[in-house]
Amino acid sequence: MSGKVIHAGTAIGCPHGGRAGAVPSASHDVLVDGLSAVSGTAVHTVTGCRHTVDGIPVPCTSIRWTPADGGVLLDGSPLLLESTSARCLTAGLVPQGPPVVGGSSYEGVACG
């Protein structure tokens, strides 16, 4: 798998306009453009999602990543790339679509 590395400065959000910050790995030894890289164990909490179903708020609250096997490891967990599969979830863990990932990711680092 190839793609741009996700780091603490990468813009991540849900498909309904909510925003999620990339939480860096426990180790701050891996930096991308001076910002901590993010592994597949990272917790992403979504805020500001305005999604409704039949007028009832059903916001995205988190993002769950599904990294492919065989990638570069960071703290024993796969390094997240913009191309890593993920889903935005409600508080009840109902999938609501893929996250929107982009902007501010380091153009000069690619894996693959």
PDB file of N, CA and C in Angstrom:
ATOM      1  N   MET A   1       0.853  -1.170   0.000  1.00  0.00           N
ATOM      2  CA  MET A   1       0.000   0.000   0.000  1.00  0.00           C
ATOM      3  C   MET A   1       0.898   1.231   0.000  1.00  0.00           C
ATOM      4  N   SER A   2       0.496   2.245  -0.707  1.00  0.00           N
ATOM      5  CA  SER A   2       1.286   3.467  -0.740  1.00  0.00           C
ATOM      6  C   SER A   2       0.383   4.664  -0.480  1.00  0.00           C
ATOM      7  N   GLY A   3       1.000   5.760  -0.148  1.00  0.00           N
ATOM      8  CA  GLY A   3       0.245   6.978   0.103  1.00  0.00           C
ATOM      9  C   GLY A   3       0.996   7.908   1.025  1.00  0.00           C
ATOM     10  N   LYS A   4       0.429   9.077   1.251  1.00  0.00           N
ATOM     11  CA  LYS A   4       1.021  10.069   2.139  1.00  0.00           C
ATOM     12  C   LYS A   4       0.795   9.668   3.591  1.00  0.00           C
ATOM     13  N   VAL A   5       1.795   9.905   4.414  1.00  0.00           N
ATOM     14  CA  VAL A   5       1.732   9.568   5.832  1.00  0.00           C
ATOM     15  C   VAL A   5       0.813  10.548   6.559  1.00  0.00           C
ATOM     16  N   ILE A   6      -0.042  10.005   7.445  1.00  0.00           N
ATOM     17  CA  ILE A   6      -0.879  10.850   8.290  1.00  0.00           C
ATOM     18  C   ILE A   6      -0.071  11.232   9.521  1.00  0.00           C
ATOM     19  N   HIS A   7      -0.076  12.513   9.848  1.00  0.00           N
ATOM     20  CA  HIS A   7       0.640  12.989  11.028  1.00  0.00           C
ATOM     21  C   HIS A   7      -0.269  13.918  11.824  1.00  0.00           C
ATOM     22  N   ALA A   8       0.243  14.458  12.908  1.00  0.00           N
ATOM     23  CA  ALA A   8      -0.573  15.279  13.812  1.00  0.00           C
ATOM     24  C   ALA A   8      -1.159  16.517  13.134  1.00  0.00           C
ATOM     25  N   GLY A   9      -0.647  16.929  11.978  1.00  0.00           N
ATOM     26  CA  GLY A   9      -1.170  18.098  11.286  1.00  0.00           C
ATOM     27  C   GLY A   9      -2.113  17.786  10.142  1.00  0.00           C
ATOM     28  N   THR A  10      -2.393  16.510   9.914  1.00  0.00           N
ATOM     29  CA  THR A  10      -3.267  16.115   8.810  1.00  0.00           C
ATOM     30  C   THR A  10      -4.723  16.452   9.124  1.00  0.00           C
ATOM     31  N   ALA A  11      -5.403  17.080   8.192  1.00  0.00           N
ATOM     32  CA  ALA A  11      -6.824  17.401   8.352  1.00  0.00           C
ATOM     33  C   ALA A  11      -7.650  16.140   8.104  1.00  0.00           C
ATOM     34  N   ILE A  12      -8.474  15.769   9.084  1.00  0.00           N
ATOM     35  CA  ILE A  12      -9.333  14.588   8.985  1.00  0.00           C
ATOM     36  C   ILE A  12     -10.720  14.998   9.441  1.00  0.00           C
ATOM     37  N   GLY A  13     -11.742  14.537   8.725  1.00  0.00           N
ATOM     38  CA  GLY A  13     -13.112  14.850   9.115  1.00  0.00           C
ATOM     39  C   GLY A  13     -14.069  13.779   8.660  1.00  0.00           C
ATOM     40  N   CYS A  14     -15.321  13.909   9.066  1.00  0.00           N
ATOM     41  CA  CYS A  14     -16.355  12.971   8.625  1.00  0.00           C
ATOM     42  C   CYS A  14     -17.007  13.535   7.358  1.00  0.00           C
ATOM     43  N   PRO A  15     -17.774  12.719   6.639  1.00  0.00           N
ATOM     44  CA  PRO A  15     -18.401  13.205   5.400  1.00  0.00           C
ATOM     45  C   PRO A  15     -19.509  14.234   5.613  1.00  0.00           C
ATOM     46  N   HIS A  16     -19.833  14.541   6.887  1.00  0.00           N
ATOM     47  CA  HIS A  16     -20.914  15.490   7.188  1.00  0.00           C
ATOM     48  C   HIS A  16     -20.400  16.804   7.754  1.00  0.00           C
ATOM     49  N   GLY A  17     -19.101  17.038   7.642  1.00  0.00           N
ATOM     50  CA  GLY A  17     -18.529  18.302   8.085  1.00  0.00           C
ATOM     51  C   GLY A  17     -17.905  18.292   9.458  1.00  0.00           C
ATOM     52  N   GLY A  18     -17.969  17.166  10.173  1.00  0.00           N
ATOM     53  CA  GLY A  18     -17.315  17.071  11.477  1.00  0.00           C
ATOM     54  C   GLY A  18     -15.801  17.013  11.298  1.00  0.00           C
ATOM     55  N   ARG A  19     -15.070  17.326  12.332  1.00  0.00           N
ATOM     56  CA  ARG A  19     -13.611  17.339  12.291  1.00  0.00           C
ATOM     57  C   ARG A  19     -13.046  16.396  13.327  1.00  0.00           C
ATOM     58  N   ALA A  20     -11.927  15.761  12.981  1.00  0.00           N
ATOM     59  CA  ALA A  20     -11.223  14.877  13.908  1.00  0.00           C
ATOM     60  C   ALA A  20      -9.746  15.196  13.832  1.00  0.00           C
ATOM     61  N   GLY A  21      -9.133  15.306  14.976  1.00  0.00           N
ATOM     62  CA  GLY A  21      -7.701  15.534  15.006  1.00  0.00           C
ATOM     63  C   GLY A  21      -6.960  14.218  15.031  1.00  0.00           C
ATOM     64  N   ALA A  22      -5.852  14.149  14.338  1.00  0.00           N
ATOM     65  CA  ALA A  22      -5.015  12.958  14.370  1.00  0.00           C
ATOM     66  C   ALA A  22      -4.250  12.946  15.677  1.00  0.00           C
ATOM     67  N   VAL A  23      -4.400  11.891  16.431  1.00  0.00           N
ATOM     68  CA  VAL A  23      -3.710  11.758  17.708  1.00  0.00           C
ATOM     69  C   VAL A  23      -2.400  11.030  17.452  1.00  0.00           C
ATOM     70  N   PRO A  24      -1.269  11.628  17.777  1.00  0.00           N
ATOM     71  CA  PRO A  24       0.008  10.980  17.508  1.00  0.00           C
ATOM     72  C   PRO A  24       0.201   9.711  18.325  1.00  0.00           C
ATOM     73  N   SER A  25       1.125   8.874  17.853  1.00  0.00           N
ATOM     74  CA  SER A  25       1.432   7.640  18.563  1.00  0.00           C
ATOM     75  C   SER A  25       2.060   7.974  19.908  1.00  0.00           C
ATOM     76  N   ALA A  26       2.161   6.969  20.756  1.00  0.00           N
ATOM     77  CA  ALA A  26       2.758   7.168  22.079  1.00  0.00           C
ATOM     78  C   ALA A  26       4.220   7.593  21.960  1.00  0.00           C
ATOM     79  N   SER A  27       4.876   7.116  20.933  1.00  0.00           N
ATOM     80  CA  SER A  27       6.274   7.480  20.712  1.00  0.00           C
ATOM     81  C   SER A  27       6.330   8.740  19.864  1.00  0.00           C
ATOM     82  N   HIS A  28       7.117   9.681  20.291  1.00  0.00           N
ATOM     83  CA  HIS A  28       7.266  10.903  19.507  1.00  0.00           C
ATOM     84  C   HIS A  28       8.580  10.872  18.750  1.00  0.00           C
ATOM     85  N   ASP A  29       9.141   9.659  18.557  1.00  0.00           N
ATOM     86  CA  ASP A  29      10.416   9.511  17.865  1.00  0.00           C
ATOM     87  C   ASP A  29      10.282   9.619  16.358  1.00  0.00           C
ATOM     88  N   VAL A  30       9.095   9.390  15.820  1.00  0.00           N
ATOM     89  CA  VAL A  30       8.898   9.429  14.377  1.00  0.00           C
ATOM     90  C   VAL A  30       8.184  10.729  14.025  1.00  0.00           C
ATOM     91  N   LEU A  31       8.920  11.604  13.360  1.00  0.00           N
ATOM     92  CA  LEU A  31       8.365  12.900  12.973  1.00  0.00           C
ATOM     93  C   LEU A  31       8.284  13.000  11.465  1.00  0.00           C
ATOM     94  N   VAL A  32       7.238  13.627  10.985  1.00  0.00           N
ATOM     95  CA  VAL A  32       7.050  13.914   9.566  1.00  0.00           C
ATOM     96  C   VAL A  32       6.888  15.417   9.471  1.00  0.00           C
ATOM     97  N   ASP A  33       7.845  16.065   8.844  1.00  0.00           N
ATOM     98  CA  ASP A  33       7.832  17.517   8.740  1.00  0.00           C
ATOM     99  C   ASP A  33       7.694  18.175  10.115  1.00  0.00           C
ATOM    100  N   GLY A  34       8.340  17.565  11.130  1.00  0.00           N
ATOM    101  CA  GLY A  34       8.334  18.110  12.477  1.00  0.00           C
ATOM    102  C   GLY A  34       7.121  17.748  13.310  1.00  0.00           C
ATOM    103  N   LEU A  35       6.177  16.976  12.748  1.00  0.00           N
ATOM    104  CA  LEU A  35       4.963  16.588  13.470  1.00  0.00           C
ATOM    105  C   LEU A  35       4.942  15.086  13.672  1.00  0.00           C
ATOM    106  N   SER A  36       4.395  14.626  14.790  1.00  0.00           N
ATOM    107  CA  SER A  36       4.358  13.203  15.113  1.00  0.00           C
ATOM    108  C   SER A  36       3.521  12.414  14.122  1.00  0.00           C
ATOM    109  N   ALA A  37       4.073  11.290  13.654  1.00  0.00           N
ATOM    110  CA  ALA A  37       3.343  10.377  12.782  1.00  0.00           C
ATOM    111  C   ALA A  37       2.253   9.680  13.587  1.00  0.00           C
ATOM    112  N   VAL A  38       1.262   9.096  12.895  1.00  0.00           N
ATOM    113  CA  VAL A  38       0.112   8.483  13.543  1.00  0.00           C
ATOM    114  C   VAL A  38       0.043   7.007  13.158  1.00  0.00           C
ATOM    115  N   SER A  39      -0.207   6.142  14.163  1.00  0.00           N
ATOM    116  CA  SER A  39      -0.315   4.706  13.902  1.00  0.00           C
ATOM    117  C   SER A  39      -1.779   4.272  13.917  1.00  0.00           C
ATOM    118  N   GLY A  40      -2.001   3.017  13.518  1.00  0.00           N
ATOM    119  CA  GLY A  40      -3.352   2.462  13.437  1.00  0.00           C
ATOM    120  C   GLY A  40      -4.066   2.341  14.764  1.00  0.00           C
ATOM    121  N   THR A  41      -3.351   2.492  15.876  1.00  0.00           N
ATOM    122  CA  THR A  41      -3.999   2.429  17.192  1.00  0.00           C
ATOM    123  C   THR A  41      -4.506   3.795  17.650  1.00  0.00           C
ATOM    124  N   ALA A  42      -4.285   4.810  16.843  1.00  0.00           N
ATOM    125  CA  ALA A  42      -4.679   6.170  17.208  1.00  0.00           C
ATOM    126  C   ALA A  42      -6.190   6.279  17.402  1.00  0.00           C
ATOM    127  N   VAL A  43      -6.574   7.082  18.372  1.00  0.00           N
ATOM    128  CA  VAL A  43      -7.983   7.347  18.630  1.00  0.00           C
ATOM    129  C   VAL A  43      -8.334   8.675  17.969  1.00  0.00           C
ATOM    130  N   HIS A  44      -9.357   8.668  17.144  1.00  0.00           N
ATOM    131  CA  HIS A  44      -9.814   9.890  16.482  1.00  0.00           C
ATOM    132  C   HIS A  44     -11.246  10.155  16.923  1.00  0.00           C
ATOM    133  N   THR A  45     -11.450  11.208  17.663  1.00  0.00           N
ATOM    134  CA  THR A  45     -12.780  11.618  18.107  1.00  0.00           C
ATOM    135  C   THR A  45     -13.287  12.699  17.167  1.00  0.00           C
ATOM    136  N   VAL A  46     -14.494  12.503  16.669  1.00  0.00           N
ATOM    137  CA  VAL A  46     -15.102  13.450  15.736  1.00  0.00           C
ATOM    138  C   VAL A  46     -15.956  14.447  16.517  1.00  0.00           C
ATOM    139  N   THR A  47     -15.820  15.718  16.199  1.00  0.00           N
ATOM    140  CA  THR A  47     -16.652  16.759  16.799  1.00  0.00           C
ATOM    141  C   THR A  47     -17.299  17.580  15.689  1.00  0.00           C
ATOM    142  N   GLY A  48     -18.450  18.097  15.954  1.00  0.00           N
ATOM    143  CA  GLY A  48     -19.118  18.996  15.017  1.00  0.00           C
ATOM    144  C   GLY A  48     -19.866  18.330  13.878  1.00  0.00           C
ATOM    145  N   CYS A  49     -20.092  17.017  13.938  1.00  0.00           N
ATOM    146  CA  CYS A  49     -20.850  16.339  12.881  1.00  0.00           C
ATOM    147  C   CYS A  49     -22.326  16.718  13.007  1.00  0.00           C
ATOM    148  N   ARG A  50     -22.915  17.117  11.887  1.00  0.00           N
ATOM    149  CA  ARG A  50     -24.311  17.563  11.881  1.00  0.00           C
ATOM    150  C   ARG A  50     -25.251  16.567  11.198  1.00  0.00           C
ATOM    151  N   HIS A  51     -24.825  15.313  11.067  1.00  0.00           N
ATOM    152  CA  HIS A  51     -25.631  14.315  10.364  1.00  0.00           C
ATOM    153  C   HIS A  51     -26.936  14.036  11.113  1.00  0.00           C
ATOM    154  N   THR A  52     -28.045  13.985  10.364  1.00  0.00           N
ATOM    155  CA  THR A  52     -29.349  13.639  10.939  1.00  0.00           C
ATOM    156  C   THR A  52     -30.009  12.573  10.075  1.00  0.00           C
ATOM    157  N   VAL A  53     -30.883  11.787  10.700  1.00  0.00           N
ATOM    158  CA  VAL A  53     -31.713  10.806   9.993  1.00  0.00           C
ATOM    159  C   VAL A  53     -33.144  11.089  10.406  1.00  0.00           C
ATOM    160  N   ASP A  54     -33.986  11.438   9.439  1.00  0.00           N
ATOM    161  CA  ASP A  54     -35.381  11.796   9.710  1.00  0.00           C
ATOM    162  C   ASP A  54     -35.496  12.874  10.771  1.00  0.00           C
ATOM    163  N   GLY A  55     -34.579  13.852  10.746  1.00  0.00           N
ATOM    164  CA  GLY A  55     -34.602  14.974  11.665  1.00  0.00           C
ATOM    165  C   GLY A  55     -33.996  14.702  13.030  1.00  0.00           C
ATOM    166  N   ILE A  56     -33.513  13.481  13.239  1.00  0.00           N
ATOM    167  CA  ILE A  56     -32.907  13.120  14.524  1.00  0.00           C
ATOM    168  C   ILE A  56     -31.388  13.138  14.376  1.00  0.00           C
ATOM    169  N   PRO A  57     -30.683  13.865  15.255  1.00  0.00           N
ATOM    170  CA  PRO A  57     -29.215  13.894  15.162  1.00  0.00           C
ATOM    171  C   PRO A  57     -28.602  12.506  15.372  1.00  0.00           C
ATOM    172  N   VAL A  58     -27.751  12.117  14.432  1.00  0.00           N
ATOM    173  CA  VAL A  58     -27.011  10.857  14.517  1.00  0.00           C
ATOM    174  C   VAL A  58     -25.575  11.180  14.089  1.00  0.00           C
ATOM    175  N   PRO A  59     -24.852  11.891  14.944  1.00  0.00           N
ATOM    176  CA  PRO A  59     -23.528  12.363  14.541  1.00  0.00           C
ATOM    177  C   PRO A  59     -22.462  11.270  14.550  1.00  0.00           C
ATOM    178  N   CYS A  60     -21.462  11.465  13.700  1.00  0.00           N
ATOM    179  CA  CYS A  60     -20.259  10.645  13.771  1.00  0.00           C
ATOM    180  C   CYS A  60     -19.536  11.051  15.052  1.00  0.00           C
ATOM    181  N   THR A  61     -19.013  10.067  15.781  1.00  0.00           N
ATOM    182  CA  THR A  61     -18.302  10.368  17.021  1.00  0.00           C
ATOM    183  C   THR A  61     -16.859   9.868  17.022  1.00  0.00           C
ATOM    184  N   SER A  62     -16.546   8.934  16.115  1.00  0.00           N
ATOM    185  CA  SER A  62     -15.185   8.400  16.074  1.00  0.00           C
ATOM    186  C   SER A  62     -14.851   7.881  14.686  1.00  0.00           C
ATOM    187  N   ILE A  63     -13.568   7.621  14.487  1.00  0.00           N
ATOM    188  CA  ILE A  63     -13.088   7.020  13.244  1.00  0.00           C
ATOM    189  C   ILE A  63     -12.312   5.771  13.613  1.00  0.00           C
ATOM    190  N   ARG A  64     -12.624   4.676  12.946  1.00  0.00           N
ATOM    191  CA  ARG A  64     -11.918   3.405  13.145  1.00  0.00           C
ATOM    192  C   ARG A  64     -11.167   3.060  11.858  1.00  0.00           C
ATOM    193  N   TRP A  65      -9.879   2.801  12.000  1.00  0.00           N
ATOM    194  CA  TRP A  65      -8.998   2.509  10.876  1.00  0.00           C
ATOM    195  C   TRP A  65      -8.821   1.008  10.707  1.00  0.00           C
ATOM    196  N   THR A  66      -8.642   0.572   9.466  1.00  0.00           N
ATOM    197  CA  THR A  66      -8.393  -0.829   9.149  1.00  0.00           C
ATOM    198  C   THR A  66      -7.152  -0.909   8.265  1.00  0.00           C
ATOM    199  N   PRO A  67      -5.964  -0.811   8.876  1.00  0.00           N
ATOM    200  CA  PRO A  67      -4.739  -0.842   8.084  1.00  0.00           C
ATOM    201  C   PRO A  67      -4.522  -2.195   7.425  1.00  0.00           C
ATOM    202  N   ALA A  68      -3.937  -2.179   6.240  1.00  0.00           N
ATOM    203  CA  ALA A  68      -3.605  -3.407   5.525  1.00  0.00           C
ATOM    204  C   ALA A  68      -2.408  -4.081   6.191  1.00  0.00           C
ATOM    205  N   ASP A  69      -2.331  -5.383   6.071  1.00  0.00           N
ATOM    206  CA  ASP A  69      -1.189  -6.123   6.598  1.00  0.00           C
ATOM    207  C   ASP A  69       0.051  -5.833   5.764  1.00  0.00           C
ATOM    208  N   GLY A  70       1.197  -5.927   6.408  1.00  0.00           N
ATOM    209  CA  GLY A  70       2.456  -5.811   5.684  1.00  0.00           C
ATOM    210  C   GLY A  70       2.982  -4.407   5.502  1.00  0.00           C
ATOM    211  N   GLY A  71       2.400  -3.443   6.154  1.00  0.00           N
ATOM    212  CA  GLY A  71       2.869  -2.068   6.010  1.00  0.00           C
ATOM    213  C   GLY A  71       3.993  -1.738   6.973  1.00  0.00           C
ATOM    214  N   VAL A  72       4.418  -0.508   6.946  1.00  0.00           N
ATOM    215  CA  VAL A  72       5.439  -0.015   7.862  1.00  0.00           C
ATOM    216  C   VAL A  72       4.829   0.074   9.253  1.00  0.00           C
ATOM    217  N   LEU A  73       5.565  -0.403  10.270  1.00  0.00           N
ATOM    218  CA  LEU A  73       5.055  -0.394  11.637  1.00  0.00           C
ATOM    219  C   LEU A  73       5.601   0.782  12.424  1.00  0.00           C
ATOM    220  N   LEU A  74       4.764   1.326  13.288  1.00  0.00           N
ATOM    221  CA  LEU A  74       5.117   2.408  14.192  1.00  0.00           C
ATOM    222  C   LEU A  74       4.624   1.988  15.568  1.00  0.00           C
ATOM    223  N   ASP A  75       5.533   1.805  16.507  1.00  0.00           N
ATOM    224  CA  ASP A  75       5.172   1.305  17.835  1.00  0.00           C
ATOM    225  C   ASP A  75       4.431  -0.035  17.744  1.00  0.00           C
ATOM    226  N   GLY A  76       4.787  -0.871  16.757  1.00  0.00           N
ATOM    227  CA  GLY A  76       4.179  -2.188  16.601  1.00  0.00           C
ATOM    228  C   GLY A  76       2.838  -2.184  15.896  1.00  0.00           C
ATOM    229  N   SER A  77       2.373  -1.035  15.478  1.00  0.00           N
ATOM    230  CA  SER A  77       1.094  -0.901  14.788  1.00  0.00           C
ATOM    231  C   SER A  77       1.343  -0.262  13.426  1.00  0.00           C
ATOM    232  N   PRO A  78       0.535  -0.605  12.413  1.00  0.00           N
ATOM    233  CA  PRO A  78       0.757  -0.034  11.087  1.00  0.00           C
ATOM    234  C   PRO A  78       0.681   1.498  11.073  1.00  0.00           C
ATOM    235  N   LEU A  79       1.583   2.093  10.332  1.00  0.00           N
ATOM    236  CA  LEU A  79       1.590   3.536  10.115  1.00  0.00           C
ATOM    237  C   LEU A  79       0.372   3.890   9.270  1.00  0.00           C
ATOM    238  N   LEU A  80      -0.339   4.948   9.630  1.00  0.00           N
ATOM    239  CA  LEU A  80      -1.517   5.345   8.850  1.00  0.00           C
ATOM    240  C   LEU A  80      -1.109   6.175   7.645  1.00  0.00           C
ATOM    241  N   LEU A  81      -1.722   5.863   6.519  1.00  0.00           N
ATOM    242  CA  LEU A  81      -1.536   6.605   5.284  1.00  0.00           C
ATOM    243  C   LEU A  81      -2.886   7.180   4.870  1.00  0.00           C
ATOM    244  N   GLU A  82      -2.873   8.195   4.014  1.00  0.00           N
ATOM    245  CA  GLU A  82      -4.141   8.752   3.530  1.00  0.00           C
ATOM    246  C   GLU A  82      -4.982   7.701   2.822  1.00  0.00           C
ATOM    247  N   SER A  83      -4.348   6.668   2.291  1.00  0.00           N
ATOM    248  CA  SER A  83      -5.063   5.612   1.572  1.00  0.00           C
ATOM    249  C   SER A  83      -5.539   4.481   2.495  1.00  0.00           C
ATOM    250  N   THR A  84      -5.251   4.544   3.803  1.00  0.00           N
ATOM    251  CA  THR A  84      -5.676   3.507   4.748  1.00  0.00           C
ATOM    252  C   THR A  84      -7.199   3.490   4.857  1.00  0.00           C
ATOM    253  N   SER A  85      -7.771   2.305   4.803  1.00  0.00           N
ATOM    254  CA  SER A  85      -9.214   2.146   4.901  1.00  0.00           C
ATOM    255  C   SER A  85      -9.708   2.557   6.291  1.00  0.00           C
ATOM    256  N   ALA A  86     -10.839   3.257   6.333  1.00  0.00           N
ATOM    257  CA  ALA A  86     -11.401   3.703   7.609  1.00  0.00           C
ATOM    258  C   ALA A  86     -12.891   3.968   7.463  1.00  0.00           C
ATOM    259  N   ARG A  87     -13.576   4.015   8.606  1.00  0.00           N
ATOM    260  CA  ARG A  87     -14.997   4.345   8.643  1.00  0.00           C
ATOM    261  C   ARG A  87     -15.285   5.299   9.785  1.00  0.00           C
ATOM    262  N   CYS A  88     -16.204   6.212   9.545  1.00  0.00           N
ATOM    263  CA  CYS A  88     -16.714   7.078  10.602  1.00  0.00           C
ATOM    264  C   CYS A  88     -17.866   6.329  11.259  1.00  0.00           C
ATOM    265  N   LEU A  89     -17.938   6.415  12.591  1.00  0.00           N
ATOM    266  CA  LEU A  89     -18.938   5.660  13.346  1.00  0.00           C
ATOM    267  C   LEU A  89     -19.733   6.566  14.281  1.00  0.00           C
ATOM    268  N   THR A  90     -20.977   6.148  14.556  1.00  0.00           N
ATOM    269  CA  THR A  90     -21.797   6.826  15.560  1.00  0.00           C
ATOM    270  C   THR A  90     -21.373   6.324  16.940  1.00  0.00           C
ATOM    271  N   ALA A  91     -21.973   6.885  17.990  1.00  0.00           N
ATOM    272  CA  ALA A  91     -21.695   6.414  19.343  1.00  0.00           C
ATOM    273  C   ALA A  91     -22.091   4.948  19.506  1.00  0.00           C
ATOM    274  N   GLY A  92     -23.077   4.475  18.728  1.00  0.00           N
ATOM    275  CA  GLY A  92     -23.508   3.079  18.745  1.00  0.00           C
ATOM    276  C   GLY A  92     -22.736   2.208  17.778  1.00  0.00           C
ATOM    277  N   LEU A  93     -21.625   2.744  17.230  1.00  0.00           N
ATOM    278  CA  LEU A  93     -20.739   2.052  16.288  1.00  0.00           C
ATOM    279  C   LEU A  93     -21.400   1.701  14.957  1.00  0.00           C
ATOM    280  N   VAL A  94     -22.375   2.522  14.536  1.00  0.00           N
ATOM    281  CA  VAL A  94     -23.003   2.353  13.229  1.00  0.00           C
ATOM    282  C   VAL A  94     -22.147   3.090  12.200  1.00  0.00           C
ATOM    283  N   PRO A  95     -21.694   2.402  11.134  1.00  0.00           N
ATOM    284  CA  PRO A  95     -20.873   3.053  10.114  1.00  0.00           C
ATOM    285  C   PRO A  95     -21.659   4.132   9.363  1.00  0.00           C
ATOM    286  N   GLN A  96     -20.988   5.274   9.102  1.00  0.00           N
ATOM    287  CA  GLN A  96     -21.636   6.384   8.418  1.00  0.00           C
ATOM    288  C   GLN A  96     -20.836   6.880   7.225  1.00  0.00           C
ATOM    289  N   GLY A  97     -19.895   6.097   6.765  1.00  0.00           N
ATOM    290  CA  GLY A  97     -19.121   6.479   5.593  1.00  0.00           C
ATOM    291  C   GLY A  97     -17.652   6.656   5.906  1.00  0.00           C
ATOM    292  N   PRO A  98     -16.860   6.793   4.862  1.00  0.00           N
ATOM    293  CA  PRO A  98     -15.421   6.970   5.051  1.00  0.00           C
ATOM    294  C   PRO A  98     -15.079   8.390   5.476  1.00  0.00           C
ATOM    295  N   PRO A  99     -13.977   8.538   6.203  1.00  0.00           N
ATOM    296  CA  PRO A  99     -13.554   9.895   6.579  1.00  0.00           C
ATOM    297  C   PRO A  99     -13.000  10.645   5.378  1.00  0.00           C
ATOM    298  N   VAL A 100     -12.959  11.941   5.504  1.00  0.00           N
ATOM    299  CA  VAL A 100     -12.330  12.803   4.510  1.00  0.00           C
ATOM    300  C   VAL A 100     -10.943  13.110   5.062  1.00  0.00           C
ATOM    301  N   VAL A 101      -9.913  12.685   4.337  1.00  0.00           N
ATOM    302  CA  VAL A 101      -8.540  12.848   4.794  1.00  0.00           C
ATOM    303  C   VAL A 101      -7.780  13.656   3.766  1.00  0.00           C
ATOM    304  N   GLY A 102      -7.097  14.679   4.235  1.00  0.00           N
ATOM    305  CA  GLY A 102      -6.293  15.449   3.301  1.00  0.00           C
ATOM    306  C   GLY A 102      -5.933  16.800   3.855  1.00  0.00           C
ATOM    307  N   GLY A 103      -5.074  17.462   3.132  1.00  0.00           N
ATOM    308  CA  GLY A 103      -4.612  18.767   3.551  1.00  0.00           C
ATOM    309  C   GLY A 103      -3.575  18.660   4.641  1.00  0.00           C
ATOM    310  N   SER A 104      -2.511  19.359   4.495  1.00  0.00           N
ATOM    311  CA  SER A 104      -1.427  19.452   5.454  1.00  0.00           C
ATOM    312  C   SER A 104      -0.621  18.174   5.609  1.00  0.00           C
ATOM    313  N   SER A 105      -0.944  17.086   4.884  1.00  0.00           N
ATOM    314  CA  SER A 105      -0.091  15.919   5.017  1.00  0.00           C
ATOM    315  C   SER A 105       1.176  16.156   4.228  1.00  0.00           C
ATOM    316  N   TYR A 106       2.242  15.601   4.709  1.00  0.00           N
ATOM    317  CA  TYR A 106       3.559  15.894   4.171  1.00  0.00           C
ATOM    318  C   TYR A 106       3.706  15.297   2.784  1.00  0.00           C
ATOM    319  N   GLU A 107       3.914  16.140   1.787  1.00  0.00           N
ATOM    320  CA  GLU A 107       4.006  15.720   0.399  1.00  0.00           C
ATOM    321  C   GLU A 107       5.267  14.904   0.135  1.00  0.00           C
ATOM    322  N   GLY A 108       6.324  15.127   0.893  1.00  0.00           N
ATOM    323  CA  GLY A 108       7.600  14.510   0.562  1.00  0.00           C
ATOM    324  C   GLY A 108       7.803  13.113   1.092  1.00  0.00           C
ATOM    325  N   VAL A 109       6.914  12.588   1.917  1.00  0.00           N
ATOM    326  CA  VAL A 109       7.098  11.258   2.463  1.00  0.00           C
ATOM    327  C   VAL A 109       6.004  10.351   1.925  1.00  0.00           C
ATOM    328  N   ALA A 110       6.418   9.259   1.328  1.00  0.00           N
ATOM    329  CA  ALA A 110       5.464   8.274   0.830  1.00  0.00           C
ATOM    330  C   ALA A 110       5.967   6.909   1.237  1.00  0.00           C
ATOM    331  N   CYS A 111       5.057   6.010   1.462  1.00  0.00           N
ATOM    332  CA  CYS A 111       5.426   4.639   1.783  1.00  0.00           C
ATOM    333  C   CYS A 111       4.927   3.750   0.672  1.00  0.00           C
ATOM    334  N   GLY A 112       5.643   2.690   0.436  1.00  0.00           N
ATOM    335  CA  GLY A 112       5.145   1.741  -0.545  1.00  0.00           C
ATOM    336  C   GLY A 112       6.199   1.218  -1.444  1.00  0.00           C
TER     337      GLY A 112
END
